[in-house]
Protein backbone atom coordinates (compact mmCIF):
# COMPACT_ATOMS: atom_id res chain seq x y z
CA MET A 1 -154.01 24.13 3.59
CA ALA A 2 -150.56 25.44 4.94
CA HIS A 3 -151.22 24.06 8.55
CA THR A 4 -151.45 20.65 7.39
CA TYR A 5 -147.81 20.73 6.06
CA PHE A 6 -146.54 22.09 9.53
CA ARG A 7 -147.55 19.65 11.75
CA LYS A 8 -144.62 18.80 13.99
CA GLN A 9 -145.50 15.10 14.06
CA ILE A 10 -144.69 15.15 10.29
CA PHE A 11 -141.47 17.04 10.05
CA LEU A 12 -139.72 16.74 13.57
CA PRO A 13 -138.82 13.72 15.52
CA GLN A 14 -141.26 12.91 18.32
CA ASP A 15 -138.73 10.97 20.40
CA HIS A 16 -137.20 14.14 21.83
CA GLY A 17 -134.35 12.51 23.60
CA SER A 18 -132.78 11.23 20.16
CA TRP A 19 -131.72 14.74 19.60
CA VAL A 20 -128.82 14.47 21.69
CA PHE A 21 -127.44 11.48 19.46
CA ILE A 22 -126.74 13.67 16.62
CA LEU A 23 -125.90 16.82 18.34
CA SER A 24 -123.23 15.42 20.87
CA PRO A 25 -121.16 13.74 18.13
CA LEU A 26 -121.33 16.87 15.90
CA LEU A 27 -120.06 19.13 18.89
CA VAL A 28 -117.48 16.52 19.86
CA GLY A 29 -116.27 16.59 16.27
CA LEU A 30 -116.59 20.09 15.76
CA PHE A 31 -114.45 21.39 18.78
CA ALA A 32 -111.81 18.45 18.33
CA GLY A 33 -111.36 19.94 14.93
CA GLY A 34 -110.66 23.22 16.22
CA ARG A 35 -112.00 25.27 13.33
CA PHE A 36 -115.54 26.04 12.01
CA THR A 37 -115.38 26.48 8.25
CA PHE A 38 -117.84 26.81 5.57
CA ALA A 39 -117.22 22.93 5.11
CA SER A 40 -118.20 22.38 8.79
CA LEU A 41 -121.35 24.28 8.18
CA SER A 42 -122.26 22.06 5.27
CA LEU A 43 -121.43 19.15 7.14
CA VAL A 44 -123.89 20.25 10.09
CA ILE A 45 -126.74 21.00 7.52
CA ALA A 46 -126.03 17.57 5.74
CA ALA A 47 -126.06 15.80 8.99
CA MET A 48 -129.18 17.63 10.65
CA ALA A 49 -131.10 17.32 7.40
CA ALA A 50 -130.30 13.45 7.26
CA PHE A 51 -131.52 13.21 10.84
CA LEU A 52 -134.58 15.15 10.23
CA LEU A 53 -135.60 13.17 7.10
CA ARG A 54 -136.17 9.95 9.25
CA GLN A 55 -139.51 11.51 10.66
CA PRO A 56 -141.41 12.26 7.24
CA VAL A 57 -140.11 9.26 5.64
CA ALA A 58 -141.35 7.03 8.62
CA MET A 59 -144.76 8.88 8.49
CA ALA A 60 -145.09 7.93 4.86
CA VAL A 61 -144.22 4.30 5.49
CA LYS A 62 -146.89 4.47 8.10
CA ALA A 63 -149.61 5.88 5.67
CA TYR A 64 -148.67 3.26 3.20
CA SER A 65 -148.91 0.61 5.58
CA GLY A 66 -152.30 1.78 7.15
CA ARG A 67 -151.06 2.96 10.31
CA ARG A 68 -151.79 6.62 9.36
CA ALA A 69 -154.16 8.20 7.00
CA LYS A 70 -153.29 8.72 3.48
CA SER A 71 -153.81 12.45 3.78
CA ASP A 72 -150.67 12.48 5.72
CA LEU A 73 -148.63 11.58 2.55
CA PRO A 74 -148.69 15.22 0.85
CA ALA A 75 -147.12 16.76 3.90
CA ALA A 76 -144.64 13.88 4.34
CA ARG A 77 -143.74 14.17 0.55
CA PHE A 78 -143.20 17.90 1.09
CA TRP A 79 -140.84 17.49 3.86
CA ILE A 80 -138.92 14.70 2.22
CA VAL A 81 -138.10 16.93 -0.66
CA VAL A 82 -137.31 19.71 1.66
CA TYR A 83 -134.71 17.71 3.77
CA GLY A 84 -133.48 15.76 0.55
CA THR A 85 -132.61 19.38 -0.90
CA PHE A 86 -130.75 20.39 1.77
CA ILE A 87 -128.71 17.23 1.91
CA LEU A 88 -128.08 17.40 -1.70
CA ALA A 89 -126.93 20.84 -1.46
CA ALA A 90 -124.75 20.43 1.43
CA LEU A 91 -123.07 17.16 0.10
CA THR A 92 -122.57 18.88 -3.34
CA GLY A 93 -120.67 21.70 -1.53
CA LEU A 94 -118.39 19.13 0.60
CA ILE A 95 -117.57 17.36 -2.61
CA LEU A 96 -116.49 20.60 -4.44
CA MET A 97 -114.37 21.30 -1.28
CA GLY A 98 -112.55 17.96 -1.43
CA PHE A 99 -114.57 16.12 1.31
CA GLY A 100 -116.06 13.56 -1.28
CA TYR A 101 -114.74 10.74 0.84
CA LEU A 102 -117.18 11.47 3.51
CA PHE A 103 -119.88 9.55 1.41
CA PHE A 104 -118.40 6.46 2.54
CA LEU A 105 -119.76 7.13 6.16
CA ALA A 106 -123.13 7.18 4.81
CA VAL A 107 -122.79 3.68 3.57
CA PRO A 108 -123.90 1.87 6.98
CA ALA A 109 -126.79 4.28 7.23
CA ALA A 110 -128.78 2.74 4.26
CA PRO A 111 -129.44 -0.85 5.74
CA VAL A 112 -129.65 0.44 9.45
CA PHE A 113 -132.56 3.02 8.01
CA ALA A 114 -134.13 0.28 5.97
CA TRP A 115 -134.15 -2.08 8.80
CA HIS A 116 -136.00 0.74 10.81
CA LEU A 117 -138.53 1.40 8.14
CA TRP A 118 -139.43 -2.26 8.05
CA LEU A 119 -140.12 -2.29 11.86
CA VAL A 120 -142.07 0.69 11.34
CA SER A 121 -144.22 -0.80 8.66
CA LYS A 122 -144.82 -3.96 10.90
CA ARG A 123 -145.65 -1.70 14.04
CA GLU A 124 -142.55 -3.15 15.76
CA GLU A 125 -140.45 -0.09 15.97
CA ARG A 126 -140.81 0.52 19.76
CA ARG A 127 -138.38 -0.91 22.46
CA GLN A 128 -135.89 -2.24 19.84
CA VAL A 129 -132.84 -1.64 21.91
CA ASN A 130 -130.62 -3.64 19.71
CA VAL A 131 -131.74 -1.43 16.74
CA GLU A 132 -131.00 1.80 18.68
CA LEU A 133 -127.71 0.59 19.47
CA ILE A 134 -126.48 0.23 16.06
CA ALA A 135 -128.44 3.26 14.83
CA THR A 136 -126.58 5.44 17.29
CA GLY A 137 -123.35 3.99 15.97
CA VAL A 138 -124.16 5.41 12.50
CA LEU A 139 -125.16 8.79 14.05
CA SER A 140 -121.77 8.74 15.96
CA LEU A 141 -119.96 8.76 12.50
CA ALA A 142 -120.86 12.54 12.71
CA ALA A 143 -117.91 12.92 15.07
CA PRO A 144 -115.00 12.11 12.82
CA ALA A 145 -116.66 13.65 9.92
CA ALA A 146 -116.89 17.06 11.80
CA TYR A 147 -113.26 16.74 13.00
CA TRP A 148 -112.03 15.84 9.45
CA VAL A 149 -113.64 18.96 8.02
CA GLY A 150 -112.38 20.89 10.95
CA ILE A 151 -108.56 20.12 10.32
CA GLY A 152 -109.26 19.97 6.51
CA ARG A 153 -108.03 16.48 5.98
CA TYR A 154 -108.34 12.75 6.93
CA ASP A 155 -106.87 11.73 10.26
CA ALA A 156 -107.21 8.35 12.05
CA ALA A 157 -107.90 9.91 15.27
CA GLY A 158 -111.10 10.58 14.11
CA TRP A 159 -111.90 6.88 14.36
CA TRP A 160 -111.24 7.28 18.17
CA LEU A 161 -113.93 9.89 18.45
CA TRP A 162 -116.33 7.70 16.64
CA VAL A 163 -115.72 4.75 19.13
CA LEU A 164 -115.84 6.98 22.10
CA VAL A 165 -118.97 8.64 21.27
CA TRP A 166 -120.46 5.32 20.21
CA LEU A 167 -119.66 3.82 23.79
CA GLN A 168 -121.39 6.43 25.58
CA THR A 169 -124.42 6.75 23.57
CA ALA A 170 -124.96 2.93 23.68
CA ALA A 171 -124.54 3.12 27.49
CA SER A 172 -126.81 5.85 27.66
CA ILE A 173 -129.69 3.94 25.73
CA VAL A 174 -129.12 0.87 27.78
CA TYR A 175 -129.30 3.02 31.12
CA ALA A 176 -132.59 4.77 29.71
CA TYR A 177 -134.13 1.42 29.13
CA LEU A 178 -133.24 0.39 32.85
CA ARG A 179 -134.84 3.65 33.92
CA LEU A 180 -138.02 3.21 32.10
CA GLY A 181 -138.44 -0.42 33.60
CA GLN A 182 -137.87 0.85 37.00
CA ARG A 183 -141.23 2.90 36.41
CA GLU A 184 -143.32 -0.23 36.56
CA GLN A 185 -141.74 -1.27 39.85
CA ALA A 186 -144.27 -1.17 42.82
CA GLN A 187 -141.73 -0.60 45.31
CA VAL A 188 -138.04 -0.35 45.83
CA ALA A 189 -136.74 -4.16 45.42
CA ALA A 190 -134.09 -5.95 47.45
CA ARG A 191 -130.48 -4.88 46.77
CA ARG A 192 -129.84 -8.08 45.02
CA GLU A 193 -132.65 -7.66 42.78
CA LEU A 194 -131.59 -4.03 41.91
CA TRP A 195 -128.14 -5.40 41.06
CA LYS A 196 -129.71 -8.07 38.84
CA THR A 197 -131.82 -5.53 36.85
CA GLY A 198 -129.00 -3.08 36.60
CA LEU A 199 -126.15 -5.31 35.55
CA ARG A 200 -126.22 -4.62 31.82
CA ALA A 201 -126.23 -0.74 32.36
CA PHE A 202 -123.62 -1.12 35.04
CA ALA A 203 -121.48 -3.21 32.70
CA TYR A 204 -121.70 -0.88 29.93
CA THR A 205 -120.61 2.15 31.81
CA THR A 206 -117.93 0.17 33.84
CA PHE A 207 -116.47 -1.05 30.61
CA ASN A 208 -116.29 2.47 29.19
CA LEU A 209 -114.68 3.97 32.29
CA ALA A 210 -112.13 1.32 32.68
CA ALA A 211 -111.22 1.12 28.88
CA VAL A 212 -110.71 4.93 28.68
CA LEU A 213 -108.83 5.29 31.88
CA MET A 214 -106.28 2.50 30.72
CA LEU A 215 -105.95 3.95 27.38
CA GLY A 216 -105.24 7.24 29.20
CA LEU A 217 -102.56 5.88 31.30
CA ILE A 218 -100.47 4.43 28.43
CA SER A 219 -100.92 7.78 26.39
CA VAL A 220 -103.05 6.49 23.66
CA LEU A 221 -106.01 8.85 24.67
CA PRO A 222 -105.60 12.08 26.88
CA ARG A 223 -105.01 11.29 30.33
CA LEU A 224 -108.15 13.05 31.93
CA LEU A 225 -110.70 11.67 29.31
CA PHE A 226 -112.09 9.26 31.69
CA LEU A 227 -113.60 12.16 33.60
CA PRO A 228 -116.70 12.33 31.28
CA TYR A 229 -117.19 8.53 31.59
CA LEU A 230 -117.02 8.79 35.24
CA ILE A 231 -119.78 11.17 35.27
CA GLN A 232 -121.75 8.56 33.20
CA TRP A 233 -120.88 5.68 35.77
CA SER A 234 -121.68 7.56 38.52
CA GLU A 235 -125.22 8.47 37.52
CA THR A 236 -125.64 4.81 36.30
CA LEU A 237 -124.48 3.58 39.88
CA TRP A 238 -126.92 6.06 41.37
CA GLY A 239 -129.95 5.01 39.18
CA ILE A 240 -129.46 1.43 39.96
CA PHE A 241 -130.15 1.88 43.57
CA HIS A 242 -132.67 4.84 43.17
CA PRO A 243 -135.09 3.29 40.94
CA ALA A 244 -137.44 5.91 39.03
CA ILE A 245 -140.71 4.31 40.53
CA LYS A 246 -143.63 6.20 39.33
CA TRP A 247 -141.36 8.78 37.50
CA LYS A 248 -142.82 10.31 34.31
CA PRO A 249 -140.72 9.51 31.31
CA THR A 250 -140.19 13.32 30.81
CA ARG A 251 -138.25 13.53 33.94
CA ILE A 252 -136.20 10.65 33.11
CA GLY A 253 -135.57 12.30 29.74
CA ILE A 254 -134.73 15.76 31.31
CA ARG A 255 -132.26 13.73 33.72
CA GLN A 256 -130.57 11.84 30.83
CA LEU A 257 -130.21 15.10 28.70
CA ILE A 258 -128.37 16.81 31.66
CA VAL A 259 -125.88 13.86 31.91
CA SER A 260 -125.37 13.74 28.26
CA THR A 261 -124.65 17.49 28.08
CA LEU A 262 -122.41 17.22 30.89
CA TRP A 263 -120.77 14.38 29.34
CA THR A 264 -120.26 16.20 25.82
CA MET A 265 -118.93 19.34 27.66
CA THR A 266 -116.47 17.53 29.72
CA PHE A 267 -115.15 15.48 26.79
CA ILE A 268 -114.61 18.39 24.71
CA VAL A 269 -112.45 20.04 27.47
CA THR A 270 -110.60 16.63 28.54
CA TRP A 271 -110.02 15.83 24.73
CA ARG A 272 -107.83 19.02 24.14
CA LEU A 273 -105.87 18.75 27.56
């Protein structure tokens, strides 16, 4: 009986690339805050449990809508209770430590999560790039939350972290869809066609790089903060002219993970310079 409760597809997200969208903002916020406290640990537990909760809830919706067997429901309910307990305990700790205002950051998550579950019930959750862009905006709120618990108070600079992380994750998603689409090409297209298919991804990364560079030059943001966005911009430019023809999704995902990791590490360093 126990093995039915510990199937990975029930309690762990199967879209492995999504992990970076919660870990990156958490790491950015924690390092920007400068201190790792018990409140920081409580926030990490709450954020990770909330992220993991999506999987068993989606499995339950699939079971109720006929997409999966009803026999999956006991395991889904079990993990909903487990993750829910962790969330409740961690949030209670944050409230007792004076961080109750972080609840306001969870407000946007409710309608986005409901939208996702509705798409799941309709078998339409895949290839929903706009939903993913909005969802990563919600996940990026982990950055200011981690920053505030690190410094022990609210500070408007946290909103900059939110915007900056969201810009990166949005560009990453658009670029990932470009790379996945390139797999279907029979051969390398003409240069003009490559530009056409890669225009949206290039526009996202170029805007990010230009905006952060300009804000750094006028001392609104750290002067060298453009460097992580330069990494992402360079990868996008390379990917446009080197299409991922016949690449396996795993190979694309690993390359994306490497770039996102480099972005996160470089951002952490340059934010504090």
